[in-house]
Amino acid sequence: MGVYTLCNKAAISYETYRSIRKNRNKDIYLRTLLILLKTLDVTPMEFFSDPMFNADELDIDFK
């Protein structure tokens, strides 16, 4: 699926997508994430089971 098709199906702007993709938007809304996952036919369980979410590897800014 192309980027513009994804944005259109998920009803998000290309600018929102680009901000997330380029890591400029570090605080993505859960609603936006769930819409993107549904559009991509990925369950939240599948998404969060990725090894990148191992607690030891998460870099969280608590500011």
PDB file of N, CA and C in Angstrom:
ATOM      1  N   MET A   1       0.852  -1.173   0.000  1.00  0.00           N
ATOM      2  CA  MET A   1       0.000   0.000   0.000  1.00  0.00           C
ATOM      3  C   MET A   1       0.894   1.232   0.000  1.00  0.00           C
ATOM      4  N   GLY A   2       0.576   2.170  -0.827  1.00  0.00           N
ATOM      5  CA  GLY A   2       1.341   3.398  -0.890  1.00  0.00           C
ATOM      6  C   GLY A   2       1.000   4.346   0.250  1.00  0.00           C
ATOM      7  N   VAL A   3       1.858   5.296   0.461  1.00  0.00           N
ATOM      8  CA  VAL A   3       1.688   6.256   1.557  1.00  0.00           C
ATOM      9  C   VAL A   3       0.404   7.055   1.400  1.00  0.00           C
ATOM     10  N   TYR A   4       0.142   7.552   0.222  1.00  0.00           N
ATOM     11  CA  TYR A   4      -1.056   8.371   0.027  1.00  0.00           C
ATOM     12  C   TYR A   4      -2.331   7.546   0.188  1.00  0.00           C
ATOM     13  N   THR A   5      -2.289   6.293  -0.240  1.00  0.00           N
ATOM     14  CA  THR A   5      -3.437   5.406  -0.048  1.00  0.00           C
ATOM     15  C   THR A   5      -3.651   5.150   1.432  1.00  0.00           C
ATOM     16  N   LEU A   6      -2.572   4.897   2.169  1.00  0.00           N
ATOM     17  CA  LEU A   6      -2.654   4.688   3.612  1.00  0.00           C
ATOM     18  C   LEU A   6      -3.269   5.909   4.291  1.00  0.00           C
ATOM     19  N   CYS A   7      -2.759   7.079   3.972  1.00  0.00           N
ATOM     20  CA  CYS A   7      -3.271   8.311   4.586  1.00  0.00           C
ATOM     21  C   CYS A   7      -4.747   8.508   4.265  1.00  0.00           C
ATOM     22  N   ASN A   8      -5.119   8.231   3.032  1.00  0.00           N
ATOM     23  CA  ASN A   8      -6.511   8.390   2.625  1.00  0.00           C
ATOM     24  C   ASN A   8      -7.413   7.404   3.354  1.00  0.00           C
ATOM     25  N   LYS A   9      -7.020   6.125   3.403  1.00  0.00           N
ATOM     26  CA  LYS A   9      -7.843   5.116   4.071  1.00  0.00           C
ATOM     27  C   LYS A   9      -7.916   5.346   5.573  1.00  0.00           C
ATOM     28  N   ALA A  10      -6.834   5.819   6.175  1.00  0.00           N
ATOM     29  CA  ALA A  10      -6.797   6.059   7.615  1.00  0.00           C
ATOM     30  C   ALA A  10      -7.346   7.430   7.981  1.00  0.00           C
ATOM     31  N   ALA A  11      -7.624   8.242   6.982  1.00  0.00           N
ATOM     32  CA  ALA A  11      -8.139   9.604   7.190  1.00  0.00           C
ATOM     33  C   ALA A  11      -7.193  10.432   8.058  1.00  0.00           C
ATOM     34  N   ILE A  12      -5.896  10.327   7.760  1.00  0.00           N
ATOM     35  CA  ILE A  12      -4.910  11.186   8.414  1.00  0.00           C
ATOM     36  C   ILE A  12      -4.206  11.984   7.327  1.00  0.00           C
ATOM     37  N   SER A  13      -3.680  13.112   7.705  1.00  0.00           N
ATOM     38  CA  SER A  13      -2.998  13.943   6.716  1.00  0.00           C
ATOM     39  C   SER A  13      -1.616  13.372   6.419  1.00  0.00           C
ATOM     40  N   TYR A  14      -1.128  13.687   5.244  1.00  0.00           N
ATOM     41  CA  TYR A  14       0.216  13.262   4.885  1.00  0.00           C
ATOM     42  C   TYR A  14       1.226  13.873   5.844  1.00  0.00           C
ATOM     43  N   GLU A  15       0.982  15.089   6.300  1.00  0.00           N
ATOM     44  CA  GLU A  15       1.887  15.757   7.243  1.00  0.00           C
ATOM     45  C   GLU A  15       1.951  15.003   8.570  1.00  0.00           C
ATOM     46  N   THR A  16       0.813  14.504   9.042  1.00  0.00           N
ATOM     47  CA  THR A  16       0.803  13.695  10.266  1.00  0.00           C
ATOM     48  C   THR A  16       1.620  12.432  10.065  1.00  0.00           C
ATOM     49  N   TYR A  17       1.389  11.762   8.945  1.00  0.00           N
ATOM     50  CA  TYR A  17       2.155  10.550   8.631  1.00  0.00           C
ATOM     51  C   TYR A  17       3.648  10.852   8.603  1.00  0.00           C
ATOM     52  N   ARG A  18       4.017  11.910   7.926  1.00  0.00           N
ATOM     53  CA  ARG A  18       5.440  12.258   7.776  1.00  0.00           C
ATOM     54  C   ARG A  18       6.066  12.606   9.129  1.00  0.00           C
ATOM     55  N   SER A  19       5.323  13.283   9.984  1.00  0.00           N
ATOM     56  CA  SER A  19       5.834  13.616  11.317  1.00  0.00           C
ATOM     57  C   SER A  19       6.102  12.357  12.136  1.00  0.00           C
ATOM     58  N   ILE A  20       5.201  11.394  12.040  1.00  0.00           N
ATOM     59  CA  ILE A  20       5.388  10.125  12.753  1.00  0.00           C
ATOM     60  C   ILE A  20       6.570   9.368  12.159  1.00  0.00           C
ATOM     61  N   ARG A  21       6.599   9.290  10.864  1.00  0.00           N
ATOM     62  CA  ARG A  21       7.642   8.524  10.167  1.00  0.00           C
ATOM     63  C   ARG A  21       9.044   9.087  10.424  1.00  0.00           C
ATOM     64  N   LYS A  22       9.151  10.408  10.471  1.00  0.00           N
ATOM     65  CA  LYS A  22      10.458  11.038  10.665  1.00  0.00           C
ATOM     66  C   LYS A  22      10.772  11.250  12.146  1.00  0.00           C
ATOM     67  N   ASN A  23       9.926  10.668  13.015  1.00  0.00           N
ATOM     68  CA  ASN A  23      10.139  10.707  14.458  1.00  0.00           C
ATOM     69  C   ASN A  23      10.104  12.131  15.026  1.00  0.00           C
ATOM     70  N   ARG A  24       9.391  13.032  14.360  1.00  0.00           N
ATOM     71  CA  ARG A  24       9.223  14.391  14.878  1.00  0.00           C
ATOM     72  C   ARG A  24       8.034  14.460  15.818  1.00  0.00           C
ATOM     73  N   ASN A  25       7.129  13.513  15.678  1.00  0.00           N
ATOM     74  CA  ASN A  25       5.940  13.457  16.517  1.00  0.00           C
ATOM     75  C   ASN A  25       6.101  12.269  17.461  1.00  0.00           C
ATOM     76  N   LYS A  26       6.733  12.495  18.602  1.00  0.00           N
ATOM     77  CA  LYS A  26       7.039  11.401  19.515  1.00  0.00           C
ATOM     78  C   LYS A  26       5.844  10.987  20.362  1.00  0.00           C
ATOM     79  N   ASP A  27       4.827  11.793  20.435  1.00  0.00           N
ATOM     80  CA  ASP A  27       3.662  11.506  21.267  1.00  0.00           C
ATOM     81  C   ASP A  27       2.429  11.284  20.393  1.00  0.00           C
ATOM     82  N   ILE A  28       2.428  10.192  19.665  1.00  0.00           N
ATOM     83  CA  ILE A  28       1.308   9.864  18.792  1.00  0.00           C
ATOM     84  C   ILE A  28       0.085   9.490  19.637  1.00  0.00           C
ATOM     85  N   TYR A  29      -1.071   9.949  19.229  1.00  0.00           N
ATOM     86  CA  TYR A  29      -2.302   9.600  19.928  1.00  0.00           C
ATOM     87  C   TYR A  29      -2.585   8.114  19.735  1.00  0.00           C
ATOM     88  N   LEU A  30      -3.084   7.471  20.774  1.00  0.00           N
ATOM     89  CA  LEU A  30      -3.433   6.059  20.692  1.00  0.00           C
ATOM     90  C   LEU A  30      -4.474   5.840  19.605  1.00  0.00           C
ATOM     91  N   ARG A  31      -5.406   6.742  19.492  1.00  0.00           N
ATOM     92  CA  ARG A  31      -6.452   6.636  18.458  1.00  0.00           C
ATOM     93  C   ARG A  31      -5.827   6.599  17.071  1.00  0.00           C
ATOM     94  N   THR A  32      -4.852   7.461  16.817  1.00  0.00           N
ATOM     95  CA  THR A  32      -4.180   7.496  15.512  1.00  0.00           C
ATOM     96  C   THR A  32      -3.453   6.187  15.259  1.00  0.00           C
ATOM     97  N   LEU A  33      -2.758   5.684  16.273  1.00  0.00           N
ATOM     98  CA  LEU A  33      -2.053   4.410  16.137  1.00  0.00           C
ATOM     99  C   LEU A  33      -3.032   3.293  15.815  1.00  0.00           C
ATOM    100  N   LEU A  34      -4.135   3.220  16.541  1.00  0.00           N
ATOM    101  CA  LEU A  34      -5.111   2.159  16.302  1.00  0.00           C
ATOM    102  C   LEU A  34      -5.739   2.259  14.912  1.00  0.00           C
ATOM    103  N   ILE A  35      -5.983   3.460  14.443  1.00  0.00           N
ATOM    104  CA  ILE A  35      -6.523   3.643  13.085  1.00  0.00           C
ATOM    105  C   ILE A  35      -5.512   3.156  12.052  1.00  0.00           C
ATOM    106  N   LEU A  36      -4.242   3.512  12.234  1.00  0.00           N
ATOM    107  CA  LEU A  36      -3.209   3.065  11.299  1.00  0.00           C
ATOM    108  C   LEU A  36      -3.070   1.544  11.322  1.00  0.00           C
ATOM    109  N   LEU A  37      -3.088   0.955  12.501  1.00  0.00           N
ATOM    110  CA  LEU A  37      -2.984  -0.503  12.601  1.00  0.00           C
ATOM    111  C   LEU A  37      -4.159  -1.186  11.911  1.00  0.00           C
ATOM    112  N   LYS A  38      -5.361  -0.681  12.141  1.00  0.00           N
ATOM    113  CA  LYS A  38      -6.540  -1.271  11.496  1.00  0.00           C
ATOM    114  C   LYS A  38      -6.447  -1.145   9.978  1.00  0.00           C
ATOM    115  N   THR A  39      -6.004  -0.008   9.512  1.00  0.00           N
ATOM    116  CA  THR A  39      -5.854   0.209   8.074  1.00  0.00           C
ATOM    117  C   THR A  39      -4.839  -0.755   7.475  1.00  0.00           C
ATOM    118  N   LEU A  40      -3.794  -1.055   8.232  1.00  0.00           N
ATOM    119  CA  LEU A  40      -2.749  -1.964   7.764  1.00  0.00           C
ATOM    120  C   LEU A  40      -3.061  -3.427   8.079  1.00  0.00           C
ATOM    121  N   ASP A  41      -4.217  -3.678   8.693  1.00  0.00           N
ATOM    122  CA  ASP A  41      -4.644  -5.028   9.067  1.00  0.00           C
ATOM    123  C   ASP A  41      -3.641  -5.695  10.011  1.00  0.00           C
ATOM    124  N   VAL A  42      -3.199  -4.916  10.997  1.00  0.00           N
ATOM    125  CA  VAL A  42      -2.280  -5.396  12.030  1.00  0.00           C
ATOM    126  C   VAL A  42      -2.971  -5.207  13.373  1.00  0.00           C
ATOM    127  N   THR A  43      -2.967  -6.242  14.194  1.00  0.00           N
ATOM    128  CA  THR A  43      -3.591  -6.110  15.513  1.00  0.00           C
ATOM    129  C   THR A  43      -2.630  -5.397  16.465  1.00  0.00           C
ATOM    130  N   PRO A  44      -3.162  -4.744  17.489  1.00  0.00           N
ATOM    131  CA  PRO A  44      -2.274  -4.141  18.485  1.00  0.00           C
ATOM    132  C   PRO A  44      -1.343  -5.176  19.125  1.00  0.00           C
ATOM    133  N   MET A  45      -1.850  -6.400  19.343  1.00  0.00           N
ATOM    134  CA  MET A  45      -1.021  -7.451  19.923  1.00  0.00           C
ATOM    135  C   MET A  45       0.166  -7.772  19.008  1.00  0.00           C
ATOM    136  N   GLU A  46      -0.088  -7.871  17.709  1.00  0.00           N
ATOM    137  CA  GLU A  46       1.002  -8.127  16.757  1.00  0.00           C
ATOM    138  C   GLU A  46       2.016  -6.981  16.784  1.00  0.00           C
ATOM    139  N   PHE A  47       1.507  -5.776  16.795  1.00  0.00           N
ATOM    140  CA  PHE A  47       2.375  -4.598  16.773  1.00  0.00           C
ATOM    141  C   PHE A  47       3.275  -4.538  18.001  1.00  0.00           C
ATOM    142  N   PHE A  48       2.676  -4.690  19.187  1.00  0.00           N
ATOM    143  CA  PHE A  48       3.437  -4.542  20.421  1.00  0.00           C
ATOM    144  C   PHE A  48       4.256  -5.780  20.783  1.00  0.00           C
ATOM    145  N   SER A  49       4.080  -6.883  20.051  1.00  0.00           N
ATOM    146  CA  SER A  49       4.904  -8.064  20.312  1.00  0.00           C
ATOM    147  C   SER A  49       6.259  -7.963  19.619  1.00  0.00           C
ATOM    148  N   ASP A  50       6.463  -6.908  18.848  1.00  0.00           N
ATOM    149  CA  ASP A  50       7.747  -6.708  18.174  1.00  0.00           C
ATOM    150  C   ASP A  50       8.857  -6.546  19.219  1.00  0.00           C
ATOM    151  N   PRO A  51      10.024  -7.140  18.979  1.00  0.00           N
ATOM    152  CA  PRO A  51      11.135  -7.034  19.933  1.00  0.00           C
ATOM    153  C   PRO A  51      11.568  -5.601  20.249  1.00  0.00           C
ATOM    154  N   MET A  52      11.241  -4.659  19.386  1.00  0.00           N
ATOM    155  CA  MET A  52      11.632  -3.273  19.661  1.00  0.00           C
ATOM    156  C   MET A  52      10.963  -2.723  20.921  1.00  0.00           C
ATOM    157  N   PHE A  53       9.915  -3.403  21.389  1.00  0.00           N
ATOM    158  CA  PHE A  53       9.209  -2.955  22.583  1.00  0.00           C
ATOM    159  C   PHE A  53       9.705  -3.643  23.854  1.00  0.00           C
ATOM    160  N   ASN A  54      10.825  -4.345  23.782  1.00  0.00           N
ATOM    161  CA  ASN A  54      11.419  -4.920  24.995  1.00  0.00           C
ATOM    162  C   ASN A  54      11.739  -3.786  25.955  1.00  0.00           C
ATOM    163  N   ALA A  55      11.381  -3.955  27.201  1.00  0.00           N
ATOM    164  CA  ALA A  55      11.554  -2.904  28.200  1.00  0.00           C
ATOM    165  C   ALA A  55      12.993  -2.404  28.279  1.00  0.00           C
ATOM    166  N   ASP A  56      13.954  -3.287  28.083  1.00  0.00           N
ATOM    167  CA  ASP A  56      15.356  -2.902  28.188  1.00  0.00           C
ATOM    168  C   ASP A  56      15.798  -1.968  27.055  1.00  0.00           C
ATOM    169  N   GLU A  57      15.070  -1.997  25.947  1.00  0.00           N
ATOM    170  CA  GLU A  57      15.467  -1.224  24.772  1.00  0.00           C
ATOM    171  C   GLU A  57      14.669   0.059  24.584  1.00  0.00           C
ATOM    172  N   LEU A  58      13.659   0.259  25.383  1.00  0.00           N
ATOM    173  CA  LEU A  58      12.825   1.460  25.223  1.00  0.00           C
ATOM    174  C   LEU A  58      13.544   2.681  25.747  1.00  0.00           C
ATOM    175  N   ASP A  59      13.547   3.725  24.935  1.00  0.00           N
ATOM    176  CA  ASP A  59      14.142   4.995  25.326  1.00  0.00           C
ATOM    177  C   ASP A  59      12.996   5.989  25.515  1.00  0.00           C
ATOM    178  N   ILE A  60      12.583   6.158  26.753  1.00  0.00           N
ATOM    179  CA  ILE A  60      11.427   7.004  27.058  1.00  0.00           C
ATOM    180  C   ILE A  60      11.890   8.278  27.746  1.00  0.00           C
ATOM    181  N   ASP A  61      11.444   9.400  27.206  1.00  0.00           N
ATOM    182  CA  ASP A  61      11.753  10.696  27.786  1.00  0.00           C
ATOM    183  C   ASP A  61      10.604  11.076  28.713  1.00  0.00           C
ATOM    184  N   PHE A  62      10.855  11.113  30.014  1.00  0.00           N
ATOM    185  CA  PHE A  62       9.810  11.372  31.001  1.00  0.00           C
ATOM    186  C   PHE A  62       9.671  12.855  31.350  1.00  0.00           C
ATOM    187  N   LYS A  63      10.101  13.726  30.487  1.00  0.00           N
ATOM    188  CA  LYS A  63      10.004  15.165  30.749  1.00  0.00           C
ATOM    189  C   LYS A  63       8.589  15.647  30.634  1.00  0.00           C
TER     190      LYS A  63
END
